[in-house]
Amino acid sequence: MNSHEKDKVVVSISSAALGFTLAFVNAGSGTPVALYVAWAAFALSVIAVLISFDLNGLQLRRAIGRIDSWERNPRGRPEPEDGNLTFTLGGRRWKTVDLVNSISIYLLVTGIVATVVHVWSVS
């Protein structure tokens, strides 16, 4: 499963869980702290995914720009030994994208745990 698919899963589950937990308010169970934590975690999880999408697009545009500049100026391009130019995506900026993706997953899990705590405390 690639990063984009994981992001879609996190957004889907977080959005559905946010709607699911809103039903607790209508059921008259009140809004204890665990429910507030769950709402914040689910909302922040979706926001983290949106930030990840933006960072990912920015990094891809930068990578395309580097390749385009190599085509315009072949002297600046590193020459591989086998004649095939390979380009790896990595570095500090890509690690930031991975970190934001990980944060979104941790927030989703936090929201699920907070929802379970709320349901357990109401029962």
PDB file of N, CA and C in Angstrom:
ATOM      1  N   MET A   1       0.857  -1.171   0.000  1.00  0.00           N
ATOM      2  CA  MET A   1       0.000   0.000   0.000  1.00  0.00           C
ATOM      3  C   MET A   1       0.903   1.235   0.000  1.00  0.00           C
ATOM      4  N   ASN A   2       0.707   2.103  -0.981  1.00  0.00           N
ATOM      5  CA  ASN A   2       1.548   3.292  -1.046  1.00  0.00           C
ATOM      6  C   ASN A   2       0.995   4.407  -0.158  1.00  0.00           C
ATOM      7  N   SER A   3       1.721   5.495  -0.093  1.00  0.00           N
ATOM      8  CA  SER A   3       1.384   6.598   0.795  1.00  0.00           C
ATOM      9  C   SER A   3       0.035   7.214   0.459  1.00  0.00           C
ATOM     10  N   HIS A   4      -0.250   7.349  -0.825  1.00  0.00           N
ATOM     11  CA  HIS A   4      -1.514   7.965  -1.242  1.00  0.00           C
ATOM     12  C   HIS A   4      -2.700   7.104  -0.810  1.00  0.00           C
ATOM     13  N   GLU A   5      -2.585   5.795  -0.951  1.00  0.00           N
ATOM     14  CA  GLU A   5      -3.664   4.900  -0.529  1.00  0.00           C
ATOM     15  C   GLU A   5      -3.850   4.937   0.983  1.00  0.00           C
ATOM     16  N   LYS A   6      -2.734   4.988   1.730  1.00  0.00           N
ATOM     17  CA  LYS A   6      -2.826   5.090   3.190  1.00  0.00           C
ATOM     18  C   LYS A   6      -3.526   6.381   3.592  1.00  0.00           C
ATOM     19  N   ASP A   7      -3.194   7.476   2.901  1.00  0.00           N
ATOM     20  CA  ASP A   7      -3.828   8.758   3.208  1.00  0.00           C
ATOM     21  C   ASP A   7      -5.332   8.690   2.981  1.00  0.00           C
ATOM     22  N   LYS A   8      -5.746   8.050   1.887  1.00  0.00           N
ATOM     23  CA  LYS A   8      -7.176   7.931   1.609  1.00  0.00           C
ATOM     24  C   LYS A   8      -7.883   7.104   2.683  1.00  0.00           C
ATOM     25  N   VAL A   9      -7.237   6.050   3.141  1.00  0.00           N
ATOM     26  CA  VAL A   9      -7.824   5.217   4.192  1.00  0.00           C
ATOM     27  C   VAL A   9      -7.951   6.015   5.488  1.00  0.00           C
ATOM     28  N   VAL A  10      -6.909   6.759   5.846  1.00  0.00           N
ATOM     29  CA  VAL A  10      -6.939   7.552   7.079  1.00  0.00           C
ATOM     30  C   VAL A  10      -8.040   8.604   7.010  1.00  0.00           C
ATOM     31  N   VAL A  11      -8.178   9.286   5.878  1.00  0.00           N
ATOM     32  CA  VAL A  11      -9.226  10.307   5.744  1.00  0.00           C
ATOM     33  C   VAL A  11     -10.606   9.668   5.826  1.00  0.00           C
ATOM     34  N   SER A  12     -10.791   8.554   5.155  1.00  0.00           N
ATOM     35  CA  SER A  12     -12.094   7.879   5.175  1.00  0.00           C
ATOM     36  C   SER A  12     -12.479   7.436   6.575  1.00  0.00           C
ATOM     37  N   ILE A  13     -11.560   6.770   7.247  1.00  0.00           N
ATOM     38  CA  ILE A  13     -11.868   6.267   8.586  1.00  0.00           C
ATOM     39  C   ILE A  13     -12.052   7.419   9.573  1.00  0.00           C
ATOM     40  N   SER A  14     -11.202   8.439   9.498  1.00  0.00           N
ATOM     41  CA  SER A  14     -11.318   9.573  10.423  1.00  0.00           C
ATOM     42  C   SER A  14     -12.634  10.313  10.222  1.00  0.00           C
ATOM     43  N   SER A  15     -13.010  10.529   8.980  1.00  0.00           N
ATOM     44  CA  SER A  15     -14.267  11.236   8.703  1.00  0.00           C
ATOM     45  C   SER A  15     -15.465  10.420   9.177  1.00  0.00           C
ATOM     46  N   ALA A  16     -15.452   9.124   8.890  1.00  0.00           N
ATOM     47  CA  ALA A  16     -16.557   8.268   9.333  1.00  0.00           C
ATOM     48  C   ALA A  16     -16.617   8.204  10.857  1.00  0.00           C
ATOM     49  N   ALA A  17     -15.466   8.086  11.494  1.00  0.00           N
ATOM     50  CA  ALA A  17     -15.431   8.005  12.958  1.00  0.00           C
ATOM     51  C   ALA A  17     -15.890   9.322  13.590  1.00  0.00           C
ATOM     52  N   LEU A  18     -15.534  10.426  12.973  1.00  0.00           N
ATOM     53  CA  LEU A  18     -15.982  11.723  13.487  1.00  0.00           C
ATOM     54  C   LEU A  18     -17.505  11.801  13.441  1.00  0.00           C
ATOM     55  N   GLY A  19     -18.095  11.382  12.326  1.00  0.00           N
ATOM     56  CA  GLY A  19     -19.557  11.356  12.226  1.00  0.00           C
ATOM     57  C   GLY A  19     -20.181  10.379  13.211  1.00  0.00           C
ATOM     58  N   PHE A  20     -19.533   9.221  13.391  1.00  0.00           N
ATOM     59  CA  PHE A  20     -20.023   8.216  14.331  1.00  0.00           C
ATOM     60  C   PHE A  20     -20.036   8.762  15.756  1.00  0.00           C
ATOM     61  N   THR A  21     -18.985   9.455  16.146  1.00  0.00           N
ATOM     62  CA  THR A  21     -18.918   9.969  17.519  1.00  0.00           C
ATOM     63  C   THR A  21     -19.884  11.132  17.741  1.00  0.00           C
ATOM     64  N   LEU A  22     -20.247  11.840  16.679  1.00  0.00           N
ATOM     65  CA  LEU A  22     -21.245  12.907  16.836  1.00  0.00           C
ATOM     66  C   LEU A  22     -22.602  12.328  17.222  1.00  0.00           C
ATOM     67  N   ALA A  23     -22.847  11.082  16.889  1.00  0.00           N
ATOM     68  CA  ALA A  23     -24.098  10.429  17.276  1.00  0.00           C
ATOM     69  C   ALA A  23     -24.204  10.284  18.788  1.00  0.00           C
ATOM     70  N   PHE A  24     -23.083  10.219  19.488  1.00  0.00           N
ATOM     71  CA  PHE A  24     -23.117  10.112  20.947  1.00  0.00           C
ATOM     72  C   PHE A  24     -23.734  11.348  21.578  1.00  0.00           C
ATOM     73  N   VAL A  25     -23.519  12.503  20.979  1.00  0.00           N
ATOM     74  CA  VAL A  25     -24.091  13.733  21.527  1.00  0.00           C
ATOM     75  C   VAL A  25     -25.604  13.692  21.376  1.00  0.00           C
ATOM     76  N   ASN A  26     -26.071  13.231  20.206  1.00  0.00           N
ATOM     77  CA  ASN A  26     -27.511  13.140  19.985  1.00  0.00           C
ATOM     78  C   ASN A  26     -28.155  12.051  20.837  1.00  0.00           C
ATOM     79  N   ALA A  27     -27.379  11.056  21.239  1.00  0.00           N
ATOM     80  CA  ALA A  27     -27.904   9.976  22.074  1.00  0.00           C
ATOM     81  C   ALA A  27     -28.033  10.405  23.533  1.00  0.00           C
ATOM     82  N   GLY A  28     -27.597  11.593  23.851  1.00  0.00           N
ATOM     83  CA  GLY A  28     -27.747  12.108  25.201  1.00  0.00           C
ATOM     84  C   GLY A  28     -26.684  11.659  26.170  1.00  0.00           C
ATOM     85  N   SER A  29     -25.551  11.196  25.653  1.00  0.00           N
ATOM     86  CA  SER A  29     -24.504  10.728  26.555  1.00  0.00           C
ATOM     87  C   SER A  29     -23.603  11.859  27.033  1.00  0.00           C
ATOM     88  N   GLY A  30     -23.889  13.053  26.581  1.00  0.00           N
ATOM     89  CA  GLY A  30     -23.054  14.179  26.983  1.00  0.00           C
ATOM     90  C   GLY A  30     -21.765  14.214  26.190  1.00  0.00           C
ATOM     91  N   THR A  31     -20.875  15.103  26.575  1.00  0.00           N
ATOM     92  CA  THR A  31     -19.595  15.221  25.872  1.00  0.00           C
ATOM     93  C   THR A  31     -18.455  15.271  26.878  1.00  0.00           C
ATOM     94  N   PRO A  32     -18.084  14.115  27.422  1.00  0.00           N
ATOM     95  CA  PRO A  32     -16.953  14.106  28.346  1.00  0.00           C
ATOM     96  C   PRO A  32     -15.634  14.330  27.616  1.00  0.00           C
ATOM     97  N   VAL A  33     -14.587  14.415  28.373  1.00  0.00           N
ATOM     98  CA  VAL A  33     -13.256  14.734  27.850  1.00  0.00           C
ATOM     99  C   VAL A  33     -12.817  13.749  26.775  1.00  0.00           C
ATOM    100  N   ALA A  34     -13.074  12.459  26.966  1.00  0.00           N
ATOM    101  CA  ALA A  34     -12.645  11.455  25.983  1.00  0.00           C
ATOM    102  C   ALA A  34     -13.250  11.726  24.614  1.00  0.00           C
ATOM    103  N   LEU A  35     -14.486  12.190  24.597  1.00  0.00           N
ATOM    104  CA  LEU A  35     -15.128  12.484  23.315  1.00  0.00           C
ATOM    105  C   LEU A  35     -14.501  13.707  22.657  1.00  0.00           C
ATOM    106  N   TYR A  36     -14.151  14.716  23.448  1.00  0.00           N
ATOM    107  CA  TYR A  36     -13.449  15.880  22.901  1.00  0.00           C
ATOM    108  C   TYR A  36     -12.081  15.484  22.336  1.00  0.00           C
ATOM    109  N   VAL A  37     -11.390  14.609  23.057  1.00  0.00           N
ATOM    110  CA  VAL A  37     -10.085  14.129  22.578  1.00  0.00           C
ATOM    111  C   VAL A  37     -10.258  13.382  21.258  1.00  0.00           C
ATOM    112  N   ALA A  38     -11.283  12.547  21.166  1.00  0.00           N
ATOM    113  CA  ALA A  38     -11.535  11.799  19.936  1.00  0.00           C
ATOM    114  C   ALA A  38     -11.818  12.755  18.782  1.00  0.00           C
ATOM    115  N   TRP A  39     -12.660  13.760  19.008  1.00  0.00           N
ATOM    116  CA  TRP A  39     -12.974  14.719  17.937  1.00  0.00           C
ATOM    117  C   TRP A  39     -11.722  15.459  17.478  1.00  0.00           C
ATOM    118  N   ALA A  40     -10.938  15.910  18.431  1.00  0.00           N
ATOM    119  CA  ALA A  40      -9.711  16.632  18.078  1.00  0.00           C
ATOM    120  C   ALA A  40      -8.752  15.729  17.308  1.00  0.00           C
ATOM    121  N   ALA A  41      -8.601  14.497  17.749  1.00  0.00           N
ATOM    122  CA  ALA A  41      -7.683  13.578  17.078  1.00  0.00           C
ATOM    123  C   ALA A  41      -8.147  13.269  15.656  1.00  0.00           C
ATOM    124  N   PHE A  42      -9.436  13.013  15.480  1.00  0.00           N
ATOM    125  CA  PHE A  42      -9.935  12.725  14.131  1.00  0.00           C
ATOM    126  C   PHE A  42      -9.797  13.936  13.214  1.00  0.00           C
ATOM    127  N   ALA A  43     -10.131  15.115  13.723  1.00  0.00           N
ATOM    128  CA  ALA A  43     -10.012  16.327  12.908  1.00  0.00           C
ATOM    129  C   ALA A  43      -8.550  16.613  12.566  1.00  0.00           C
ATOM    130  N   LEU A  44      -7.665  16.485  13.542  1.00  0.00           N
ATOM    131  CA  LEU A  44      -6.240  16.730  13.280  1.00  0.00           C
ATOM    132  C   LEU A  44      -5.654  15.676  12.345  1.00  0.00           C
ATOM    133  N   SER A  45      -6.184  14.473  12.397  1.00  0.00           N
ATOM    134  CA  SER A  45      -5.733  13.426  11.484  1.00  0.00           C
ATOM    135  C   SER A  45      -6.058  13.801  10.037  1.00  0.00           C
ATOM    136  N   VAL A  46      -7.252  14.293   9.807  1.00  0.00           N
ATOM    137  CA  VAL A  46      -7.634  14.726   8.454  1.00  0.00           C
ATOM    138  C   VAL A  46      -6.779  15.914   8.023  1.00  0.00           C
ATOM    139  N   ILE A  47      -6.548  16.852   8.926  1.00  0.00           N
ATOM    140  CA  ILE A  47      -5.712  18.012   8.600  1.00  0.00           C
ATOM    141  C   ILE A  47      -4.285  17.579   8.272  1.00  0.00           C
ATOM    142  N   ALA A  48      -3.758  16.618   9.032  1.00  0.00           N
ATOM    143  CA  ALA A  48      -2.397  16.119   8.759  1.00  0.00           C
ATOM    144  C   ALA A  48      -2.318  15.478   7.376  1.00  0.00           C
ATOM    145  N   VAL A  49      -3.354  14.755   6.978  1.00  0.00           N
ATOM    146  CA  VAL A  49      -3.359  14.157   5.639  1.00  0.00           C
ATOM    147  C   VAL A  49      -3.378  15.242   4.574  1.00  0.00           C
ATOM    148  N   LEU A  50      -4.163  16.288   4.782  1.00  0.00           N
ATOM    149  CA  LEU A  50      -4.206  17.387   3.808  1.00  0.00           C
ATOM    150  C   LEU A  50      -2.842  18.067   3.705  1.00  0.00           C
ATOM    151  N   ILE A  51      -2.180  18.246   4.829  1.00  0.00           N
ATOM    152  CA  ILE A  51      -0.826  18.817   4.813  1.00  0.00           C
ATOM    153  C   ILE A  51       0.119  17.878   4.082  1.00  0.00           C
ATOM    154  N   SER A  52      -0.040  16.594   4.307  1.00  0.00           N
ATOM    155  CA  SER A  52       0.798  15.600   3.625  1.00  0.00           C
ATOM    156  C   SER A  52       0.610  15.660   2.116  1.00  0.00           C
ATOM    157  N   PHE A  53      -0.643  15.785   1.661  1.00  0.00           N
ATOM    158  CA  PHE A  53      -0.907  15.914   0.224  1.00  0.00           C
ATOM    159  C   PHE A  53      -0.170  17.116  -0.347  1.00  0.00           C
ATOM    160  N   ASP A  54      -0.245  18.231   0.363  1.00  0.00           N
ATOM    161  CA  ASP A  54       0.387  19.460  -0.115  1.00  0.00           C
ATOM    162  C   ASP A  54       1.911  19.317  -0.148  1.00  0.00           C
ATOM    163  N   LEU A  55       2.491  18.779   0.917  1.00  0.00           N
ATOM    164  CA  LEU A  55       3.941  18.581   0.961  1.00  0.00           C
ATOM    165  C   LEU A  55       4.406  17.607  -0.115  1.00  0.00           C
ATOM    166  N   ASN A  56       3.634  16.554  -0.326  1.00  0.00           N
ATOM    167  CA  ASN A  56       3.981  15.572  -1.340  1.00  0.00           C
ATOM    168  C   ASN A  56       3.985  16.207  -2.733  1.00  0.00           C
ATOM    169  N   GLY A  57       2.961  16.993  -3.031  1.00  0.00           N
ATOM    170  CA  GLY A  57       2.905  17.685  -4.317  1.00  0.00           C
ATOM    171  C   GLY A  57       4.062  18.652  -4.496  1.00  0.00           C
ATOM    172  N   LEU A  58       4.400  19.367  -3.437  1.00  0.00           N
ATOM    173  CA  LEU A  58       5.520  20.302  -3.490  1.00  0.00           C
ATOM    174  C   LEU A  58       6.828  19.571  -3.783  1.00  0.00           C
ATOM    175  N   GLN A  59       7.039  18.453  -3.105  1.00  0.00           N
ATOM    176  CA  GLN A  59       8.269  17.691  -3.325  1.00  0.00           C
ATOM    177  C   GLN A  59       8.336  17.114  -4.734  1.00  0.00           C
ATOM    178  N   LEU A  60       7.215  16.654  -5.242  1.00  0.00           N
ATOM    179  CA  LEU A  60       7.209  16.126  -6.612  1.00  0.00           C
ATOM    180  C   LEU A  60       7.483  17.228  -7.628  1.00  0.00           C
ATOM    181  N   ARG A  61       6.927  18.421  -7.400  1.00  0.00           N
ATOM    182  CA  ARG A  61       7.212  19.545  -8.308  1.00  0.00           C
ATOM    183  C   ARG A  61       8.693  19.919  -8.256  1.00  0.00           C
ATOM    184  N   ARG A  62       9.288  19.875  -7.069  1.00  0.00           N
ATOM    185  CA  ARG A  62      10.731  20.164  -6.955  1.00  0.00           C
ATOM    186  C   ARG A  62      11.564  19.117  -7.691  1.00  0.00           C
ATOM    187  N   ALA A  63      11.168  17.852  -7.564  1.00  0.00           N
ATOM    188  CA  ALA A  63      11.900  16.782  -8.247  1.00  0.00           C
ATOM    189  C   ALA A  63      11.780  16.934  -9.762  1.00  0.00           C
ATOM    190  N   ILE A  64      10.604  17.270 -10.239  1.00  0.00           N
ATOM    191  CA  ILE A  64      10.413  17.486 -11.678  1.00  0.00           C
ATOM    192  C   ILE A  64      11.252  18.666 -12.142  1.00  0.00           C
ATOM    193  N   GLY A  65      11.300  19.714 -11.326  1.00  0.00           N
ATOM    194  CA  GLY A  65      12.125  20.875 -11.665  1.00  0.00           C
ATOM    195  C   GLY A  65      13.600  20.522 -11.775  1.00  0.00           C
ATOM    196  N   ARG A  66      14.077  19.669 -10.872  1.00  0.00           N
ATOM    197  CA  ARG A  66      15.485  19.252 -10.941  1.00  0.00           C
ATOM    198  C   ARG A  66      15.764  18.468 -12.212  1.00  0.00           C
ATOM    199  N   ILE A  67      14.876  17.565 -12.558  1.00  0.00           N
ATOM    200  CA  ILE A  67      15.065  16.777 -13.775  1.00  0.00           C
ATOM    201  C   ILE A  67      14.993  17.668 -15.006  1.00  0.00           C
ATOM    202  N   ASP A  68      14.048  18.605 -15.012  1.00  0.00           N
ATOM    203  CA  ASP A  68      13.939  19.534 -16.143  1.00  0.00           C
ATOM    204  C   ASP A  68      15.196  20.382 -16.287  1.00  0.00           C
ATOM    205  N   SER A  69      15.768  20.834 -15.163  1.00  0.00           N
ATOM    206  CA  SER A  69      16.987  21.647 -15.250  1.00  0.00           C
ATOM    207  C   SER A  69      18.154  20.818 -15.756  1.00  0.00           C
ATOM    208  N   TRP A  70      18.201  19.541 -15.446  1.00  0.00           N
ATOM    209  CA  TRP A  70      19.251  18.673 -15.973  1.00  0.00           C
ATOM    210  C   TRP A  70      19.118  18.522 -17.483  1.00  0.00           C
ATOM    211  N   GLU A  71      17.871  18.472 -17.984  1.00  0.00           N
ATOM    212  CA  GLU A  71      17.680  18.334 -19.425  1.00  0.00           C
ATOM    213  C   GLU A  71      18.090  19.612 -20.152  1.00  0.00           C
ATOM    214  N   ARG A  72      17.855  20.759 -19.552  1.00  0.00           N
ATOM    215  CA  ARG A  72      18.240  22.033 -20.174  1.00  0.00           C
ATOM    216  C   ARG A  72      19.743  22.261 -20.096  1.00  0.00           C
ATOM    217  N   ASN A  73      20.369  21.764 -19.048  1.00  0.00           N
ATOM    218  CA  ASN A  73      21.800  21.986 -18.856  1.00  0.00           C
ATOM    219  C   ASN A  73      22.471  20.640 -18.579  1.00  0.00           C
ATOM    220  N   PRO A  74      22.807  19.897 -19.619  1.00  0.00           N
ATOM    221  CA  PRO A  74      23.381  18.562 -19.402  1.00  0.00           C
ATOM    222  C   PRO A  74      24.709  18.579 -18.664  1.00  0.00           C
ATOM    223  N   ARG A  75      25.413  19.712 -18.672  1.00  0.00           N
ATOM    224  CA  ARG A  75      26.702  19.763 -17.956  1.00  0.00           C
ATOM    225  C   ARG A  75      26.524  19.617 -16.459  1.00  0.00           C
ATOM    226  N   GLY A  76      25.408  20.096 -15.935  1.00  0.00           N
ATOM    227  CA  GLY A  76      25.172  20.014 -14.494  1.00  0.00           C
ATOM    228  C   GLY A  76      24.646  18.669 -14.051  1.00  0.00           C
ATOM    229  N   ARG A  77      24.338  17.823 -15.008  1.00  0.00           N
ATOM    230  CA  ARG A  77      23.753  16.524 -14.685  1.00  0.00           C
ATOM    231  C   ARG A  77      24.855  15.510 -14.378  1.00  0.00           C
ATOM    232  N   PRO A  78      24.682  14.759 -13.318  1.00  0.00           N
ATOM    233  CA  PRO A  78      25.670  13.718 -13.040  1.00  0.00           C
ATOM    234  C   PRO A  78      25.561  12.610 -14.091  1.00  0.00           C
ATOM    235  N   GLU A  79      26.676  12.156 -14.571  1.00  0.00           N
ATOM    236  CA  GLU A  79      26.691  11.096 -15.590  1.00  0.00           C
ATOM    237  C   GLU A  79      26.858   9.740 -14.921  1.00  0.00           C
ATOM    238  N   PRO A  80      25.887   8.876 -15.079  1.00  0.00           N
ATOM    239  CA  PRO A  80      26.017   7.549 -14.491  1.00  0.00           C
ATOM    240  C   PRO A  80      26.971   6.684 -15.305  1.00  0.00           C
ATOM    241  N   GLU A  81      27.492   5.670 -14.653  1.00  0.00           N
ATOM    242  CA  GLU A  81      28.452   4.794 -15.323  1.00  0.00           C
ATOM    243  C   GLU A  81      27.785   3.928 -16.388  1.00  0.00           C
ATOM    244  N   ASP A  82      26.549   3.498 -16.149  1.00  0.00           N
ATOM    245  CA  ASP A  82      25.905   2.594 -17.092  1.00  0.00           C
ATOM    246  C   ASP A  82      25.097   3.317 -18.166  1.00  0.00           C
ATOM    247  N   GLY A  83      25.073   4.633 -18.142  1.00  0.00           N
ATOM    248  CA  GLY A  83      24.358   5.404 -19.151  1.00  0.00           C
ATOM    249  C   GLY A  83      22.912   5.691 -18.800  1.00  0.00           C
ATOM    250  N   ASN A  84      22.392   5.100 -17.736  1.00  0.00           N
ATOM    251  CA  ASN A  84      21.008   5.334 -17.316  1.00  0.00           C
ATOM    252  C   ASN A  84      20.996   6.291 -16.132  1.00  0.00           C
ATOM    253  N   LEU A  85      20.300   7.389 -16.303  1.00  0.00           N
ATOM    254  CA  LEU A  85      20.191   8.366 -15.229  1.00  0.00           C
ATOM    255  C   LEU A  85      19.063   7.945 -14.294  1.00  0.00           C
ATOM    256  N   THR A  86      19.385   7.682 -13.072  1.00  0.00           N
ATOM    257  CA  THR A  86      18.362   7.338 -12.091  1.00  0.00           C
ATOM    258  C   THR A  86      18.214   8.499 -11.131  1.00  0.00           C
ATOM    259  N   PHE A  87      17.025   8.653 -10.637  1.00  0.00           N
ATOM    260  CA  PHE A  87      16.722   9.752  -9.742  1.00  0.00           C
ATOM    261  C   PHE A  87      15.982   9.175  -8.548  1.00  0.00           C
ATOM    262  N   THR A  88      16.559   9.295  -7.391  1.00  0.00           N
ATOM    263  CA  THR A  88      15.910   8.775  -6.192  1.00  0.00           C
ATOM    264  C   THR A  88      15.255   9.913  -5.425  1.00  0.00           C
ATOM    265  N   LEU A  89      14.088   9.607  -4.911  1.00  0.00           N
ATOM    266  CA  LEU A  89      13.378  10.570  -4.091  1.00  0.00           C
ATOM    267  C   LEU A  89      13.726  10.280  -2.641  1.00  0.00           C
ATOM    268  N   GLY A  90      14.322  11.211  -1.976  1.00  0.00           N
ATOM    269  CA  GLY A  90      14.704  11.000  -0.589  1.00  0.00           C
ATOM    270  C   GLY A  90      15.168  12.297   0.021  1.00  0.00           C
ATOM    271  N   GLY A  91      15.748  12.194   1.158  1.00  0.00           N
ATOM    272  CA  GLY A  91      16.274  13.373   1.827  1.00  0.00           C
ATOM    273  C   GLY A  91      15.367  13.858   2.934  1.00  0.00           C
ATOM    274  N   ARG A  92      15.782  14.958   3.507  1.00  0.00           N
ATOM    275  CA  ARG A  92      15.108  15.523   4.672  1.00  0.00           C
ATOM    276  C   ARG A  92      13.658  15.910   4.387  1.00  0.00           C
ATOM    277  N   ARG A  93      13.410  16.482   3.223  1.00  0.00           N
ATOM    278  CA  ARG A  93      12.045  16.934   2.919  1.00  0.00           C
ATOM    279  C   ARG A  93      11.084  15.769   2.742  1.00  0.00           C
ATOM    280  N   TRP A  94      11.566  14.689   2.142  1.00  0.00           N
ATOM    281  CA  TRP A  94      10.692  13.517   1.996  1.00  0.00           C
ATOM    282  C   TRP A  94      10.461  12.864   3.347  1.00  0.00           C
ATOM    283  N   LYS A  95      11.422  12.957   4.238  1.00  0.00           N
ATOM    284  CA  LYS A  95      11.224  12.413   5.576  1.00  0.00           C
ATOM    285  C   LYS A  95      10.155  13.209   6.316  1.00  0.00           C
ATOM    286  N   THR A  96      10.042  14.497   6.012  1.00  0.00           N
ATOM    287  CA  THR A  96       8.991  15.313   6.607  1.00  0.00           C
ATOM    288  C   THR A  96       7.620  14.824   6.150  1.00  0.00           C
ATOM    289  N   VAL A  97       7.503  14.494   4.868  1.00  0.00           N
ATOM    290  CA  VAL A  97       6.243  13.954   4.354  1.00  0.00           C
ATOM    291  C   VAL A  97       5.903  12.648   5.069  1.00  0.00           C
ATOM    292  N   ASP A  98       6.887  11.780   5.229  1.00  0.00           N
ATOM    293  CA  ASP A  98       6.663  10.515   5.938  1.00  0.00           C
ATOM    294  C   ASP A  98       6.270  10.752   7.392  1.00  0.00           C
ATOM    295  N   LEU A  99       6.891  11.739   8.026  1.00  0.00           N
ATOM    296  CA  LEU A  99       6.560  12.053   9.415  1.00  0.00           C
ATOM    297  C   LEU A  99       5.110  12.519   9.540  1.00  0.00           C
ATOM    298  N   VAL A 100       4.684  13.394   8.646  1.00  0.00           N
ATOM    299  CA  VAL A 100       3.302  13.885   8.697  1.00  0.00           C
ATOM    300  C   VAL A 100       2.326  12.734   8.452  1.00  0.00           C
ATOM    301  N   ASN A 101       2.674  11.817   7.537  1.00  0.00           N
ATOM    302  CA  ASN A 101       1.830  10.643   7.318  1.00  0.00           C
ATOM    303  C   ASN A 101       1.732   9.799   8.580  1.00  0.00           C
ATOM    304  N   SER A 102       2.853   9.603   9.250  1.00  0.00           N
ATOM    305  CA  SER A 102       2.852   8.817  10.489  1.00  0.00           C
ATOM    306  C   SER A 102       2.031   9.498  11.570  1.00  0.00           C
ATOM    307  N   ILE A 103       2.151  10.802  11.661  1.00  0.00           N
ATOM    308  CA  ILE A 103       1.369  11.550  12.657  1.00  0.00           C
ATOM    309  C   ILE A 103      -0.121  11.376  12.408  1.00  0.00           C
ATOM    310  N   SER A 104      -0.535  11.399  11.141  1.00  0.00           N
ATOM    311  CA  SER A 104      -1.959  11.241  10.847  1.00  0.00           C
ATOM    312  C   SER A 104      -2.457   9.872  11.290  1.00  0.00           C
ATOM    313  N   ILE A 105      -1.639   8.849  11.113  1.00  0.00           N
ATOM    314  CA  ILE A 105      -2.043   7.504  11.542  1.00  0.00           C
ATOM    315  C   ILE A 105      -2.106   7.426  13.066  1.00  0.00           C
ATOM    316  N   TYR A 106      -1.126   8.021  13.759  1.00  0.00           N
ATOM    317  CA  TYR A 106      -1.147   8.019  15.223  1.00  0.00           C
ATOM    318  C   TYR A 106      -2.365   8.775  15.760  1.00  0.00           C
ATOM    319  N   LEU A 107      -2.720   9.865  15.114  1.00  0.00           N
ATOM    320  CA  LEU A 107      -3.902  10.622  15.533  1.00  0.00           C
ATOM    321  C   LEU A 107      -5.169   9.813  15.318  1.00  0.00           C
ATOM    322  N   LEU A 108      -5.229   9.077  14.217  1.00  0.00           N
ATOM    323  CA  LEU A 108      -6.391   8.218  13.974  1.00  0.00           C
ATOM    324  C   LEU A 108      -6.525   7.169  15.083  1.00  0.00           C
ATOM    325  N   VAL A 109      -5.422   6.537  15.423  1.00  0.00           N
ATOM    326  CA  VAL A 109      -5.442   5.526  16.493  1.00  0.00           C
ATOM    327  C   VAL A 109      -5.828   6.168  17.824  1.00  0.00           C
ATOM    328  N   THR A 110      -5.311   7.363  18.096  1.00  0.00           N
ATOM    329  CA  THR A 110      -5.670   8.077  19.328  1.00  0.00           C
ATOM    330  C   THR A 110      -7.163   8.355  19.374  1.00  0.00           C
ATOM    331  N   GLY A 111      -7.728   8.769  18.249  1.00  0.00           N
ATOM    332  CA  GLY A 111      -9.165   9.025  18.192  1.00  0.00           C
ATOM    333  C   GLY A 111      -9.982   7.775  18.432  1.00  0.00           C
ATOM    334  N   ILE A 112      -9.540   6.664  17.851  1.00  0.00           N
ATOM    335  CA  ILE A 112     -10.256   5.400  18.058  1.00  0.00           C
ATOM    336  C   ILE A 112     -10.195   4.975  19.519  1.00  0.00           C
ATOM    337  N   VAL A 113      -9.010   5.092  20.123  1.00  0.00           N
ATOM    338  CA  VAL A 113      -8.862   4.720  21.533  1.00  0.00           C
ATOM    339  C   VAL A 113      -9.726   5.624  22.413  1.00  0.00           C
ATOM    340  N   ALA A 114      -9.733   6.922  22.141  1.00  0.00           N
ATOM    341  CA  ALA A 114     -10.550   7.848  22.929  1.00  0.00           C
ATOM    342  C   ALA A 114     -12.033   7.534  22.779  1.00  0.00           C
ATOM    343  N   THR A 115     -12.453   7.137  21.589  1.00  0.00           N
ATOM    344  CA  THR A 115     -13.855   6.754  21.381  1.00  0.00           C
ATOM    345  C   THR A 115     -14.204   5.509  22.179  1.00  0.00           C
ATOM    346  N   VAL A 116     -13.309   4.530  22.180  1.00  0.00           N
ATOM    347  CA  VAL A 116     -13.533   3.314  22.958  1.00  0.00           C
ATOM    348  C   VAL A 116     -13.601   3.648  24.452  1.00  0.00           C
ATOM    349  N   VAL A 117     -12.730   4.518  24.904  1.00  0.00           N
ATOM    350  CA  VAL A 117     -12.767   4.937  26.324  1.00  0.00           C
ATOM    351  C   VAL A 117     -14.101   5.604  26.646  1.00  0.00           C
ATOM    352  N   HIS A 118     -14.577   6.439  25.750  1.00  0.00           N
ATOM    353  CA  HIS A 118     -15.862   7.114  25.971  1.00  0.00           C
ATOM    354  C   HIS A 118     -16.994   6.097  26.036  1.00  0.00           C
ATOM    355  N   VAL A 119     -17.026   5.174  25.073  1.00  0.00           N
ATOM    356  CA  VAL A 119     -18.098   4.170  25.055  1.00  0.00           C
ATOM    357  C   VAL A 119     -18.036   3.312  26.312  1.00  0.00           C
ATOM    358  N   TRP A 120     -16.842   2.965  26.734  1.00  0.00           N
ATOM    359  CA  TRP A 120     -16.679   2.143  27.940  1.00  0.00           C
ATOM    360  C   TRP A 120     -17.128   2.907  29.182  1.00  0.00           C
ATOM    361  N   SER A 121     -16.835   4.194  29.246  1.00  0.00           N
ATOM    362  CA  SER A 121     -17.214   4.964  30.426  1.00  0.00           C
ATOM    363  C   SER A 121     -18.721   5.230  30.492  1.00  0.00           C
ATOM    364  N   VAL A 122     -19.378   5.263  29.339  1.00  0.00           N
ATOM    365  CA  VAL A 122     -20.825   5.509  29.306  1.00  0.00           C
ATOM    366  C   VAL A 122     -21.594   4.238  29.639  1.00  0.00           C
ATOM    367  N   SER A 123     -21.036   3.088  29.260  1.00  0.00           N
ATOM    368  CA  SER A 123     -21.746   1.813  29.462  1.00  0.00           C
ATOM    369  C   SER A 123     -21.883   1.445  30.908  1.00  0.00           C
TER     370      SER A 123
END
